[in-house]
Amino acid sequence: EKRITVEKILKAAEQSRDRFLEERGGMLTREEWERVWTANRETRNRLSEALTREELLDYDLRNANTAARMRSELDSFEPTRDEFIAIFELRHRLELDFEDKPRGYDPSIDEERAAAEDSCTQKIAELLGPKRFAEHQLSREHGCQLLRFDGRHAGINAATVRALYRTLLDTQAKLKEIENLPGEEKTRRTAELKAGLYTQYRRSLDEEGTRRYLQEQGVWP
């Protein structure tokens, strides 16, 4: 019965929004955007009234864009269920407050969004503690997510992926440090650093996976 109620709420909201946007050709004034945002909040309120807190959380975990993004972004982090839900509840607030507001549309909204994102990050840091927060942030980096994809095919776990990714970051930092060395010395040190990184990766990935990933990161020997 509740599933039917939720479907009716969502369908009515979608039909109303589509009619409104179609009538205006998709080009809205600020006042008209305000009407859209108000309607979205009202739909959320109806869902909150129709479902218990636990049911609403379950609905959000299954349907919210935040949850889908987190499953992808935090694959290398491997959060516990409690960690995932706690982080989700912090980040989902951003989706509810800002996802229907286009970036760049209103500088004041962008400022509010940036402040809310900073606050959310700080709360996640406090929630996880220094070590887990560092792992959380690392897992959200695009390079780490790419490595997790290759690592899954190689059968290596998330902790190994994070360790390998750290060696990449360390090597990239050292390569920057030697940029101003004399030509021959720079060439020798560059070759040594890239060869060392290659050796580290080959302990976990096959030749093809190592070559593809290190080429993508610009550090192939």
N, C-alpha and C. Protein backbone atom coordinates (compact mmCIF):
# COMPACT_ATOMS: atom_id res chain seq x y z
N GLU A 1 0.82 -1.21 0.00
CA GLU A 1 0.00 0.00 0.00
C GLU A 1 0.86 1.26 0.00
N LYS A 2 1.93 1.26 0.83
CA LYS A 2 2.80 2.44 0.87
C LYS A 2 3.55 2.61 -0.44
N ARG A 3 3.91 1.50 -1.06
CA ARG A 3 4.61 1.59 -2.35
C ARG A 3 3.72 2.30 -3.37
N ILE A 4 2.44 1.97 -3.36
CA ILE A 4 1.49 2.60 -4.28
C ILE A 4 1.36 4.09 -3.96
N THR A 5 1.33 4.40 -2.67
CA THR A 5 1.24 5.80 -2.25
C THR A 5 2.44 6.60 -2.74
N VAL A 6 3.64 6.03 -2.56
CA VAL A 6 4.86 6.69 -3.01
C VAL A 6 4.84 6.89 -4.52
N GLU A 7 4.42 5.87 -5.25
CA GLU A 7 4.36 5.97 -6.71
C GLU A 7 3.41 7.08 -7.14
N LYS A 8 2.27 7.20 -6.44
CA LYS A 8 1.30 8.24 -6.78
C LYS A 8 1.88 9.63 -6.52
N ILE A 9 2.57 9.78 -5.40
CA ILE A 9 3.18 11.07 -5.06
C ILE A 9 4.20 11.47 -6.12
N LEU A 10 5.05 10.54 -6.49
CA LEU A 10 6.11 10.83 -7.46
C LEU A 10 5.54 11.09 -8.86
N LYS A 11 4.55 10.30 -9.24
CA LYS A 11 3.95 10.49 -10.57
C LYS A 11 3.26 11.84 -10.68
N ALA A 12 2.52 12.21 -9.63
CA ALA A 12 1.82 13.50 -9.64
C ALA A 12 2.83 14.64 -9.72
N ALA A 13 3.92 14.53 -8.97
CA ALA A 13 4.94 15.58 -8.98
C ALA A 13 5.60 15.68 -10.35
N GLU A 14 5.89 14.53 -10.95
CA GLU A 14 6.54 14.52 -12.26
C GLU A 14 5.63 15.13 -13.33
N GLN A 15 4.37 14.76 -13.31
CA GLN A 15 3.42 15.29 -14.31
C GLN A 15 3.25 16.80 -14.15
N SER A 16 3.17 17.25 -12.92
CA SER A 16 3.01 18.68 -12.67
C SER A 16 4.25 19.45 -13.12
N ARG A 17 5.44 18.91 -12.80
CA ARG A 17 6.68 19.58 -13.20
C ARG A 17 6.83 19.61 -14.73
N ASP A 18 6.51 18.49 -15.38
CA ASP A 18 6.64 18.43 -16.83
C ASP A 18 5.70 19.43 -17.51
N ARG A 19 4.47 19.53 -17.01
CA ARG A 19 3.52 20.49 -17.58
C ARG A 19 4.04 21.92 -17.43
N PHE A 20 4.53 22.21 -16.25
CA PHE A 20 5.03 23.55 -15.96
C PHE A 20 6.20 23.91 -16.87
N LEU A 21 7.15 22.99 -17.03
CA LEU A 21 8.32 23.25 -17.87
C LEU A 21 7.94 23.34 -19.34
N GLU A 22 7.00 22.50 -19.77
CA GLU A 22 6.58 22.51 -21.17
C GLU A 22 5.89 23.82 -21.52
N GLU A 23 5.08 24.32 -20.61
CA GLU A 23 4.36 25.57 -20.86
C GLU A 23 5.33 26.74 -21.06
N ARG A 24 6.49 26.65 -20.42
CA ARG A 24 7.46 27.75 -20.47
C ARG A 24 8.65 27.44 -21.38
N GLY A 25 8.54 26.35 -22.11
CA GLY A 25 9.61 25.99 -23.05
C GLY A 25 10.93 25.68 -22.39
N GLY A 26 10.90 25.37 -21.11
CA GLY A 26 12.12 25.02 -20.39
C GLY A 26 12.95 26.20 -19.96
N MET A 27 12.56 27.42 -20.35
CA MET A 27 13.30 28.64 -19.98
C MET A 27 12.55 29.32 -18.84
N LEU A 28 13.16 29.34 -17.67
CA LEU A 28 12.47 29.83 -16.48
C LEU A 28 13.12 31.09 -15.93
N THR A 29 12.28 31.97 -15.41
CA THR A 29 12.77 33.12 -14.67
C THR A 29 13.14 32.67 -13.26
N ARG A 30 13.75 33.57 -12.49
CA ARG A 30 14.11 33.22 -11.12
C ARG A 30 12.86 32.88 -10.31
N GLU A 31 11.81 33.64 -10.50
CA GLU A 31 10.57 33.37 -9.76
C GLU A 31 10.00 32.00 -10.13
N GLU A 32 10.10 31.65 -11.39
CA GLU A 32 9.59 30.35 -11.82
C GLU A 32 10.45 29.21 -11.28
N TRP A 33 11.77 29.42 -11.24
CA TRP A 33 12.62 28.42 -10.60
C TRP A 33 12.22 28.23 -9.13
N GLU A 34 11.89 29.33 -8.47
CA GLU A 34 11.47 29.25 -7.07
C GLU A 34 10.25 28.36 -6.93
N ARG A 35 9.34 28.43 -7.89
CA ARG A 35 8.15 27.58 -7.86
C ARG A 35 8.53 26.11 -8.01
N VAL A 36 9.51 25.83 -8.89
CA VAL A 36 9.98 24.45 -9.05
C VAL A 36 10.60 23.94 -7.76
N TRP A 37 11.45 24.76 -7.15
CA TRP A 37 12.11 24.34 -5.91
C TRP A 37 11.11 24.11 -4.79
N THR A 38 10.10 24.98 -4.71
CA THR A 38 9.06 24.83 -3.70
C THR A 38 8.29 23.53 -3.92
N ALA A 39 7.96 23.25 -5.18
CA ALA A 39 7.24 22.02 -5.50
C ALA A 39 8.06 20.79 -5.12
N ASN A 40 9.36 20.85 -5.35
CA ASN A 40 10.23 19.72 -4.99
C ASN A 40 10.24 19.50 -3.47
N ARG A 41 10.30 20.61 -2.73
CA ARG A 41 10.26 20.48 -1.27
C ARG A 41 8.93 19.91 -0.80
N GLU A 42 7.84 20.32 -1.43
CA GLU A 42 6.53 19.81 -1.05
C GLU A 42 6.42 18.31 -1.34
N THR A 43 6.99 17.87 -2.45
CA THR A 43 7.00 16.44 -2.76
C THR A 43 7.78 15.67 -1.70
N ARG A 44 8.91 16.22 -1.31
CA ARG A 44 9.71 15.56 -0.26
C ARG A 44 8.91 15.50 1.05
N ASN A 45 8.22 16.56 1.37
CA ASN A 45 7.42 16.56 2.60
C ASN A 45 6.32 15.49 2.54
N ARG A 46 5.71 15.32 1.38
CA ARG A 46 4.67 14.30 1.24
C ARG A 46 5.25 12.90 1.45
N LEU A 47 6.44 12.67 0.92
CA LEU A 47 7.09 11.38 1.13
C LEU A 47 7.39 11.18 2.62
N SER A 48 7.86 12.22 3.28
CA SER A 48 8.17 12.13 4.72
C SER A 48 6.93 11.83 5.54
N GLU A 49 5.79 12.35 5.10
CA GLU A 49 4.54 12.10 5.82
C GLU A 49 4.01 10.69 5.56
N ALA A 50 4.30 10.17 4.36
CA ALA A 50 3.76 8.86 3.98
C ALA A 50 4.57 7.71 4.55
N LEU A 51 5.84 7.95 4.85
CA LEU A 51 6.75 6.89 5.28
C LEU A 51 7.28 7.15 6.68
N THR A 52 7.62 6.08 7.38
CA THR A 52 8.32 6.24 8.65
C THR A 52 9.76 6.68 8.35
N ARG A 53 10.48 7.09 9.39
CA ARG A 53 11.87 7.52 9.19
C ARG A 53 12.69 6.38 8.58
N GLU A 54 12.50 5.17 9.08
CA GLU A 54 13.26 4.01 8.58
C GLU A 54 12.89 3.71 7.13
N GLU A 55 11.61 3.82 6.81
CA GLU A 55 11.16 3.56 5.43
C GLU A 55 11.69 4.62 4.47
N LEU A 56 11.72 5.86 4.94
CA LEU A 56 12.22 6.94 4.09
C LEU A 56 13.72 6.77 3.83
N LEU A 57 14.46 6.36 4.86
CA LEU A 57 15.89 6.11 4.68
C LEU A 57 16.10 4.98 3.69
N ASP A 58 15.32 3.92 3.83
CA ASP A 58 15.45 2.80 2.89
C ASP A 58 15.12 3.25 1.47
N TYR A 59 14.10 4.05 1.32
CA TYR A 59 13.74 4.59 0.00
C TYR A 59 14.89 5.41 -0.57
N ASP A 60 15.47 6.28 0.26
CA ASP A 60 16.56 7.14 -0.20
C ASP A 60 17.79 6.32 -0.59
N LEU A 61 18.13 5.32 0.20
CA LEU A 61 19.29 4.49 -0.10
C LEU A 61 19.13 3.75 -1.43
N ARG A 62 17.89 3.46 -1.78
CA ARG A 62 17.64 2.76 -3.04
C ARG A 62 17.53 3.71 -4.23
N ASN A 63 17.11 4.96 -3.99
CA ASN A 63 16.75 5.82 -5.11
C ASN A 63 17.53 7.13 -5.23
N ALA A 64 18.15 7.59 -4.17
CA ALA A 64 18.80 8.90 -4.21
C ALA A 64 20.06 8.87 -5.07
N ASN A 65 20.29 9.95 -5.79
CA ASN A 65 21.52 10.07 -6.58
C ASN A 65 22.75 10.01 -5.69
N THR A 66 22.63 10.55 -4.48
CA THR A 66 23.75 10.52 -3.54
C THR A 66 24.19 9.09 -3.26
N ALA A 67 23.24 8.22 -3.02
CA ALA A 67 23.58 6.82 -2.71
C ALA A 67 24.28 6.16 -3.88
N ALA A 68 23.79 6.41 -5.10
CA ALA A 68 24.41 5.82 -6.28
C ALA A 68 25.84 6.33 -6.45
N ARG A 69 26.04 7.63 -6.26
CA ARG A 69 27.39 8.18 -6.37
C ARG A 69 28.31 7.61 -5.31
N MET A 70 27.82 7.47 -4.10
CA MET A 70 28.65 6.95 -3.02
C MET A 70 29.08 5.52 -3.27
N ARG A 71 28.20 4.71 -3.82
CA ARG A 71 28.58 3.32 -4.09
C ARG A 71 29.73 3.26 -5.08
N SER A 72 29.78 4.19 -6.00
CA SER A 72 30.87 4.24 -6.97
C SER A 72 32.12 4.87 -6.36
N GLU A 73 31.93 6.01 -5.72
CA GLU A 73 33.07 6.77 -5.20
C GLU A 73 33.79 6.07 -4.05
N LEU A 74 33.04 5.37 -3.22
CA LEU A 74 33.61 4.82 -1.99
C LEU A 74 33.92 3.33 -2.10
N ASP A 75 33.98 2.82 -3.31
CA ASP A 75 34.28 1.40 -3.50
C ASP A 75 35.63 1.05 -2.90
N SER A 76 36.63 1.91 -3.08
CA SER A 76 37.96 1.65 -2.54
C SER A 76 38.06 1.96 -1.05
N PHE A 77 37.07 2.63 -0.52
CA PHE A 77 37.04 2.96 0.90
C PHE A 77 36.47 1.82 1.72
N GLU A 78 35.55 1.08 1.12
CA GLU A 78 34.88 -0.04 1.78
C GLU A 78 34.29 0.36 3.14
N PRO A 79 33.32 1.27 3.14
CA PRO A 79 32.71 1.68 4.42
C PRO A 79 31.90 0.56 5.04
N THR A 80 31.86 0.57 6.37
CA THR A 80 30.91 -0.31 7.04
C THR A 80 29.51 0.21 6.77
N ARG A 81 28.50 -0.59 7.08
CA ARG A 81 27.13 -0.13 6.85
C ARG A 81 26.86 1.14 7.67
N ASP A 82 27.32 1.16 8.92
CA ASP A 82 27.10 2.34 9.76
C ASP A 82 27.79 3.56 9.17
N GLU A 83 29.03 3.39 8.68
CA GLU A 83 29.74 4.51 8.06
C GLU A 83 29.01 5.00 6.82
N PHE A 84 28.57 4.06 5.99
CA PHE A 84 27.89 4.43 4.75
C PHE A 84 26.63 5.25 5.06
N ILE A 85 25.82 4.77 6.00
CA ILE A 85 24.57 5.46 6.31
C ILE A 85 24.85 6.83 6.91
N ALA A 86 25.83 6.91 7.81
CA ALA A 86 26.14 8.20 8.45
C ALA A 86 26.63 9.21 7.42
N ILE A 87 27.51 8.78 6.51
CA ILE A 87 28.00 9.67 5.46
C ILE A 87 26.86 10.04 4.51
N PHE A 88 26.05 9.05 4.18
CA PHE A 88 24.92 9.31 3.28
C PHE A 88 24.00 10.37 3.84
N GLU A 89 23.67 10.27 5.11
CA GLU A 89 22.73 11.23 5.70
C GLU A 89 23.30 12.65 5.67
N LEU A 90 24.62 12.78 5.80
CA LEU A 90 25.24 14.10 5.70
C LEU A 90 25.23 14.61 4.26
N ARG A 91 25.60 13.74 3.32
CA ARG A 91 25.70 14.17 1.92
C ARG A 91 24.34 14.31 1.24
N HIS A 92 23.39 13.50 1.66
CA HIS A 92 22.06 13.57 1.02
C HIS A 92 21.39 14.91 1.27
N ARG A 93 21.71 15.53 2.40
CA ARG A 93 21.17 16.86 2.68
C ARG A 93 21.54 17.85 1.58
N LEU A 94 22.76 17.70 1.05
CA LEU A 94 23.20 18.57 -0.05
C LEU A 94 22.36 18.33 -1.30
N GLU A 95 22.05 17.06 -1.57
CA GLU A 95 21.22 16.74 -2.74
C GLU A 95 19.84 17.37 -2.58
N LEU A 96 19.26 17.22 -1.40
CA LEU A 96 17.91 17.75 -1.18
C LEU A 96 17.89 19.27 -1.30
N ASP A 97 18.94 19.92 -0.83
CA ASP A 97 18.95 21.39 -0.79
C ASP A 97 19.41 22.04 -2.09
N PHE A 98 20.27 21.33 -2.85
CA PHE A 98 20.92 22.03 -3.97
C PHE A 98 20.89 21.33 -5.33
N GLU A 99 20.56 20.05 -5.39
CA GLU A 99 20.71 19.36 -6.67
C GLU A 99 19.78 19.90 -7.75
N ASP A 100 18.66 20.47 -7.38
CA ASP A 100 17.75 21.02 -8.38
C ASP A 100 18.07 22.48 -8.71
N LYS A 101 19.19 22.99 -8.17
CA LYS A 101 19.59 24.38 -8.43
C LYS A 101 20.86 24.36 -9.29
N PRO A 102 20.77 24.74 -10.56
CA PRO A 102 21.92 24.66 -11.46
C PRO A 102 23.10 25.50 -10.96
N ARG A 103 24.29 24.93 -11.06
CA ARG A 103 25.50 25.69 -10.71
C ARG A 103 25.67 26.84 -11.70
N GLY A 104 26.07 27.99 -11.17
CA GLY A 104 26.29 29.14 -12.02
C GLY A 104 25.06 29.97 -12.28
N TYR A 105 23.90 29.50 -11.82
CA TYR A 105 22.66 30.24 -12.07
C TYR A 105 22.56 31.47 -11.18
N ASP A 106 22.97 31.31 -9.92
CA ASP A 106 22.85 32.39 -8.95
C ASP A 106 24.07 32.34 -8.03
N PRO A 107 24.92 33.37 -8.05
CA PRO A 107 26.12 33.37 -7.23
C PRO A 107 25.85 33.16 -5.73
N SER A 108 24.74 33.70 -5.25
CA SER A 108 24.44 33.56 -3.82
C SER A 108 24.13 32.11 -3.47
N ILE A 109 23.45 31.41 -4.38
CA ILE A 109 23.17 29.99 -4.16
C ILE A 109 24.46 29.18 -4.22
N ASP A 110 25.33 29.54 -5.16
CA ASP A 110 26.62 28.85 -5.27
C ASP A 110 27.44 29.03 -4.00
N GLU A 111 27.38 30.21 -3.41
CA GLU A 111 28.09 30.45 -2.15
C GLU A 111 27.51 29.60 -1.03
N GLU A 112 26.20 29.52 -0.97
CA GLU A 112 25.55 28.69 0.04
C GLU A 112 25.92 27.22 -0.14
N ARG A 113 25.94 26.78 -1.41
CA ARG A 113 26.28 25.40 -1.71
C ARG A 113 27.72 25.10 -1.28
N ALA A 114 28.65 26.02 -1.61
CA ALA A 114 30.05 25.81 -1.26
C ALA A 114 30.24 25.73 0.25
N ALA A 115 29.55 26.61 0.98
CA ALA A 115 29.65 26.58 2.44
C ALA A 115 29.07 25.29 3.00
N ALA A 116 27.95 24.84 2.43
CA ALA A 116 27.32 23.60 2.89
C ALA A 116 28.22 22.40 2.59
N GLU A 117 28.87 22.40 1.42
CA GLU A 117 29.78 21.31 1.07
C GLU A 117 30.98 21.27 2.00
N ASP A 118 31.52 22.44 2.32
CA ASP A 118 32.65 22.50 3.26
C ASP A 118 32.23 21.99 4.64
N SER A 119 31.05 22.38 5.09
CA SER A 119 30.55 21.93 6.38
C SER A 119 30.35 20.42 6.38
N CYS A 120 29.82 19.89 5.29
CA CYS A 120 29.59 18.45 5.18
C CYS A 120 30.92 17.70 5.25
N THR A 121 31.93 18.18 4.53
CA THR A 121 33.23 17.54 4.55
C THR A 121 33.83 17.54 5.95
N GLN A 122 33.69 18.66 6.66
CA GLN A 122 34.20 18.75 8.02
C GLN A 122 33.49 17.76 8.95
N LYS A 123 32.19 17.63 8.79
CA LYS A 123 31.43 16.69 9.63
C LYS A 123 31.83 15.24 9.33
N ILE A 124 32.09 14.94 8.06
CA ILE A 124 32.54 13.58 7.70
C ILE A 124 33.91 13.32 8.32
N ALA A 125 34.78 14.33 8.30
CA ALA A 125 36.11 14.18 8.90
C ALA A 125 35.99 13.90 10.40
N GLU A 126 35.10 14.61 11.06
CA GLU A 126 34.90 14.40 12.51
C GLU A 126 34.30 13.03 12.77
N LEU A 127 33.42 12.61 11.89
CA LEU A 127 32.77 11.30 12.04
C LEU A 127 33.76 10.15 11.91
N LEU A 128 34.65 10.23 10.93
CA LEU A 128 35.52 9.10 10.60
C LEU A 128 36.83 9.10 11.38
N GLY A 129 37.32 10.26 11.78
CA GLY A 129 38.65 10.32 12.37
C GLY A 129 39.71 10.44 11.27
N PRO A 130 40.92 10.87 11.65
CA PRO A 130 41.95 11.19 10.65
C PRO A 130 42.29 10.07 9.67
N LYS A 131 42.51 8.86 10.18
CA LYS A 131 42.95 7.77 9.30
C LYS A 131 41.87 7.38 8.30
N ARG A 132 40.67 7.14 8.80
CA ARG A 132 39.59 6.72 7.89
C ARG A 132 39.19 7.85 6.95
N PHE A 133 39.26 9.10 7.43
CA PHE A 133 38.91 10.21 6.56
C PHE A 133 39.91 10.32 5.41
N ALA A 134 41.19 10.10 5.70
CA ALA A 134 42.20 10.14 4.63
C ALA A 134 41.91 9.05 3.60
N GLU A 135 41.51 7.87 4.06
CA GLU A 135 41.16 6.79 3.13
C GLU A 135 39.91 7.15 2.34
N HIS A 136 38.97 7.79 2.99
CA HIS A 136 37.73 8.23 2.34
C HIS A 136 38.03 9.21 1.22
N GLN A 137 38.86 10.20 1.50
CA GLN A 137 39.19 11.20 0.49
C GLN A 137 39.98 10.59 -0.66
N LEU A 138 40.89 9.69 -0.33
CA LEU A 138 41.69 9.03 -1.35
C LEU A 138 40.81 8.24 -2.32
N SER A 139 39.83 7.54 -1.77
CA SER A 139 38.98 6.69 -2.60
C SER A 139 38.11 7.50 -3.55
N ARG A 140 37.90 8.77 -3.26
CA ARG A 140 37.06 9.61 -4.12
C ARG A 140 37.84 10.19 -5.30
N GLU A 141 39.16 10.06 -5.28
CA GLU A 141 39.96 10.60 -6.39
C GLU A 141 39.78 9.71 -7.62
N HIS A 142 39.72 10.36 -8.76
CA HIS A 142 39.43 9.64 -10.01
C HIS A 142 40.49 8.56 -10.29
N GLY A 143 41.74 8.88 -10.04
CA GLY A 143 42.80 7.91 -10.29
C GLY A 143 42.66 6.66 -9.44
N CYS A 144 42.22 6.83 -8.20
CA CYS A 144 42.02 5.68 -7.32
C CYS A 144 40.84 4.84 -7.80
N GLN A 145 39.79 5.50 -8.29
CA GLN A 145 38.63 4.77 -8.79
C GLN A 145 38.98 3.97 -10.05
N LEU A 146 39.80 4.54 -10.92
CA LEU A 146 40.25 3.80 -12.10
C LEU A 146 41.07 2.58 -11.70
N LEU A 147 41.94 2.76 -10.71
CA LEU A 147 42.77 1.66 -10.26
C LEU A 147 41.93 0.57 -9.62
N ARG A 148 40.89 0.94 -8.92
CA ARG A 148 39.99 -0.04 -8.32
C ARG A 148 39.33 -0.90 -9.39
N PHE A 149 38.99 -0.27 -10.51
CA PHE A 149 38.39 -1.01 -11.62
C PHE A 149 39.36 -2.07 -12.13
N ASP A 150 40.61 -1.67 -12.38
CA ASP A 150 41.62 -2.62 -12.85
C ASP A 150 41.92 -3.66 -11.77
N GLY A 151 41.97 -3.20 -10.52
CA GLY A 151 42.30 -4.10 -9.42
C GLY A 151 41.25 -5.17 -9.19
N ARG A 152 39.98 -4.82 -9.44
CA ARG A 152 38.92 -5.80 -9.26
C ARG A 152 39.10 -6.97 -10.23
N HIS A 153 39.49 -6.66 -11.44
CA HIS A 153 39.72 -7.72 -12.43
C HIS A 153 40.94 -8.56 -12.07
N ALA A 154 41.88 -7.94 -11.34
CA ALA A 154 43.09 -8.67 -10.94
C ALA A 154 42.89 -9.39 -9.61
N GLY A 155 41.75 -9.17 -8.97
CA GLY A 155 41.47 -9.85 -7.71
C GLY A 155 42.17 -9.27 -6.50
N ILE A 156 42.56 -7.98 -6.56
CA ILE A 156 43.22 -7.37 -5.40
C ILE A 156 42.19 -6.57 -4.60
N ASN A 157 42.41 -6.50 -3.30
CA ASN A 157 41.42 -5.87 -2.43
C ASN A 157 41.58 -4.35 -2.38
N ALA A 158 40.63 -3.70 -1.74
CA ALA A 158 40.61 -2.24 -1.70
C ALA A 158 41.81 -1.67 -0.96
N ALA A 159 42.25 -2.32 0.11
CA ALA A 159 43.41 -1.82 0.85
C ALA A 159 44.65 -1.81 -0.03
N THR A 160 44.80 -2.85 -0.85
CA THR A 160 45.95 -2.90 -1.77
C THR A 160 45.83 -1.82 -2.83
N VAL A 161 44.63 -1.58 -3.31
CA VAL A 161 44.41 -0.51 -4.28
C VAL A 161 44.83 0.83 -3.69
N ARG A 162 44.42 1.10 -2.46
CA ARG A 162 44.78 2.37 -1.83
C ARG A 162 46.29 2.48 -1.67
N ALA A 163 46.93 1.39 -1.28
CA ALA A 163 48.38 1.41 -1.10
C ALA A 163 49.09 1.66 -2.42
N LEU A 164 48.63 1.00 -3.49
CA LEU A 164 49.22 1.22 -4.80
C LEU A 164 49.02 2.66 -5.27
N TYR A 165 47.84 3.18 -5.02
CA TYR A 165 47.56 4.55 -5.45
C TYR A 165 48.44 5.54 -4.70
N ARG A 166 48.70 5.26 -3.43
CA ARG A 166 49.61 6.14 -2.66
C ARG A 166 51.01 6.12 -3.26
N THR A 167 51.47 4.96 -3.74
CA THR A 167 52.80 4.91 -4.35
C THR A 167 52.82 5.76 -5.63
N LEU A 168 51.71 5.77 -6.35
CA LEU A 168 51.63 6.63 -7.53
C LEU A 168 51.75 8.10 -7.13
N LEU A 169 50.98 8.51 -6.10
CA LEU A 169 51.03 9.91 -5.67
C LEU A 169 52.42 10.28 -5.17
N ASP A 170 53.07 9.37 -4.43
CA ASP A 170 54.42 9.63 -3.94
C ASP A 170 55.40 9.80 -5.10
N THR A 171 55.26 8.93 -6.10
CA THR A 171 56.15 9.01 -7.26
C THR A 171 55.93 10.29 -8.04
N GLN A 172 54.68 10.68 -8.22
CA GLN A 172 54.38 11.92 -8.94
C GLN A 172 54.95 13.12 -8.19
N ALA A 173 54.88 13.10 -6.86
CA ALA A 173 55.45 14.19 -6.07
C ALA A 173 56.96 14.24 -6.23
N LYS A 174 57.61 13.09 -6.23
CA LYS A 174 59.08 13.05 -6.38
C LYS A 174 59.50 13.49 -7.78
N LEU A 175 58.69 13.14 -8.79
CA LEU A 175 58.99 13.59 -10.15
C LEU A 175 58.94 15.11 -10.25
N LYS A 176 58.02 15.72 -9.54
CA LYS A 176 57.96 17.18 -9.54
C LYS A 176 59.18 17.79 -8.86
N GLU A 177 59.67 17.10 -7.80
CA GLU A 177 60.82 17.62 -7.05
C GLU A 177 62.10 17.65 -7.89
N ILE A 178 62.20 16.76 -8.87
CA ILE A 178 63.44 16.68 -9.66
C ILE A 178 63.33 17.41 -11.00
N GLU A 179 62.26 18.17 -11.20
CA GLU A 179 62.06 18.83 -12.49
C GLU A 179 63.20 19.76 -12.86
N ASN A 180 63.85 20.36 -11.87
CA ASN A 180 64.90 21.36 -12.15
C ASN A 180 66.31 20.79 -12.09
N LEU A 181 66.45 19.48 -11.99
CA LEU A 181 67.78 18.88 -12.00
C LEU A 181 68.41 19.00 -13.39
N PRO A 182 69.74 18.95 -13.47
CA PRO A 182 70.40 18.96 -14.78
C PRO A 182 69.91 17.80 -15.64
N GLY A 183 69.99 17.96 -16.96
CA GLY A 183 69.40 17.03 -17.91
C GLY A 183 69.65 15.56 -17.67
N GLU A 184 70.92 15.13 -17.62
CA GLU A 184 71.23 13.71 -17.50
C GLU A 184 70.80 13.16 -16.15
N GLU A 185 71.01 13.96 -15.10
CA GLU A 185 70.62 13.50 -13.77
C GLU A 185 69.10 13.38 -13.67
N LYS A 186 68.39 14.34 -14.24
CA LYS A 186 66.94 14.28 -14.24
C LYS A 186 66.45 13.05 -14.99
N THR A 187 67.05 12.78 -16.14
CA THR A 187 66.66 11.61 -16.93
C THR A 187 66.88 10.32 -16.15
N ARG A 188 68.02 10.23 -15.48
CA ARG A 188 68.34 9.02 -14.71
C ARG A 188 67.37 8.84 -13.55
N ARG A 189 67.14 9.91 -12.78
CA ARG A 189 66.25 9.81 -11.62
C ARG A 189 64.81 9.54 -12.05
N THR A 190 64.38 10.15 -13.17
CA THR A 190 63.04 9.90 -13.68
C THR A 190 62.86 8.44 -14.04
N ALA A 191 63.84 7.88 -14.72
CA ALA A 191 63.77 6.47 -15.12
C ALA A 191 63.73 5.57 -13.89
N GLU A 192 64.52 5.90 -12.87
CA GLU A 192 64.55 5.09 -11.65
C GLU A 192 63.20 5.11 -10.94
N LEU A 193 62.63 6.31 -10.83
CA LEU A 193 61.34 6.43 -10.13
C LEU A 193 60.23 5.69 -10.88
N LYS A 194 60.17 5.84 -12.19
CA LYS A 194 59.14 5.17 -12.97
C LYS A 194 59.33 3.65 -12.97
N ALA A 195 60.60 3.21 -13.01
CA ALA A 195 60.86 1.77 -12.97
C ALA A 195 60.45 1.19 -11.62
N GLY A 196 60.72 1.93 -10.56
CA GLY A 196 60.33 1.46 -9.23
C GLY A 196 58.82 1.35 -9.09
N LEU A 197 58.12 2.34 -9.64
CA LEU A 197 56.67 2.31 -9.60
C LEU A 197 56.13 1.13 -10.41
N TYR A 198 56.72 0.91 -11.57
CA TYR A 198 56.32 -0.21 -12.41
C TYR A 198 56.47 -1.53 -11.65
N THR A 199 57.59 -1.69 -10.97
CA THR A 199 57.83 -2.92 -10.21
C THR A 199 56.78 -3.12 -9.13
N GLN A 200 56.42 -2.03 -8.44
CA GLN A 200 55.40 -2.11 -7.40
C GLN A 200 54.06 -2.57 -7.99
N TYR A 201 53.69 -2.02 -9.11
CA TYR A 201 52.40 -2.35 -9.71
C TYR A 201 52.37 -3.76 -10.29
N ARG A 202 53.49 -4.21 -10.81
CA ARG A 202 53.51 -5.54 -11.41
C ARG A 202 53.38 -6.64 -10.37
N ARG A 203 53.59 -6.31 -9.10
CA ARG A 203 53.40 -7.31 -8.05
C ARG A 203 51.92 -7.63 -7.84
N SER A 204 51.07 -6.72 -8.31
CA SER A 204 49.62 -6.91 -8.11
C SER A 204 48.83 -6.99 -9.40
N LEU A 205 49.29 -6.31 -10.46
CA LEU A 205 48.57 -6.29 -11.74
C LEU A 205 49.39 -7.01 -12.80
N ASP A 206 48.69 -7.49 -13.84
CA ASP A 206 49.43 -8.09 -14.95
C ASP A 206 50.06 -6.99 -15.80
N GLU A 207 50.82 -7.41 -16.81
CA GLU A 207 51.55 -6.45 -17.64
C GLU A 207 50.61 -5.48 -18.34
N GLU A 208 49.52 -6.01 -18.89
CA GLU A 208 48.60 -5.15 -19.62
C GLU A 208 47.94 -4.13 -18.70
N GLY A 209 47.47 -4.59 -17.53
CA GLY A 209 46.83 -3.68 -16.59
C GLY A 209 47.79 -2.62 -16.08
N THR A 210 49.03 -3.03 -15.79
CA THR A 210 50.03 -2.07 -15.32
C THR A 210 50.33 -1.04 -16.39
N ARG A 211 50.56 -1.49 -17.61
CA ARG A 211 50.89 -0.57 -18.70
C ARG A 211 49.74 0.41 -18.93
N ARG A 212 48.51 -0.09 -19.01
CA ARG A 212 47.37 0.78 -19.30
C ARG A 212 47.21 1.84 -18.21
N TYR A 213 47.28 1.42 -16.96
CA TYR A 213 47.05 2.38 -15.88
C TYR A 213 48.17 3.41 -15.79
N LEU A 214 49.42 2.95 -15.85
CA LEU A 214 50.53 3.90 -15.71
C LEU A 214 50.62 4.83 -16.92
N GLN A 215 50.23 4.37 -18.09
CA GLN A 215 50.16 5.25 -19.25
C GLN A 215 49.08 6.31 -19.04
N GLU A 216 47.93 5.90 -18.52
CA GLU A 216 46.85 6.86 -18.27
C GLU A 216 47.30 7.95 -17.28
N GLN A 217 48.17 7.56 -16.34
CA GLN A 217 48.62 8.51 -15.33
C GLN A 217 49.90 9.24 -15.75
N GLY A 218 50.40 8.94 -16.94
CA GLY A 218 51.57 9.65 -17.46
C GLY A 218 52.88 9.27 -16.81
N VAL A 219 52.97 8.05 -16.27
CA VAL A 219 54.21 7.64 -15.58
C VAL A 219 54.71 6.29 -16.09
N TRP A 220 54.39 5.95 -17.32
CA TRP A 220 54.90 4.70 -17.89
C TRP A 220 56.40 4.84 -18.12
N PRO A 221 57.20 3.83 -17.75
CA PRO A 221 58.67 3.92 -17.89
C PRO A 221 59.09 4.21 -19.34
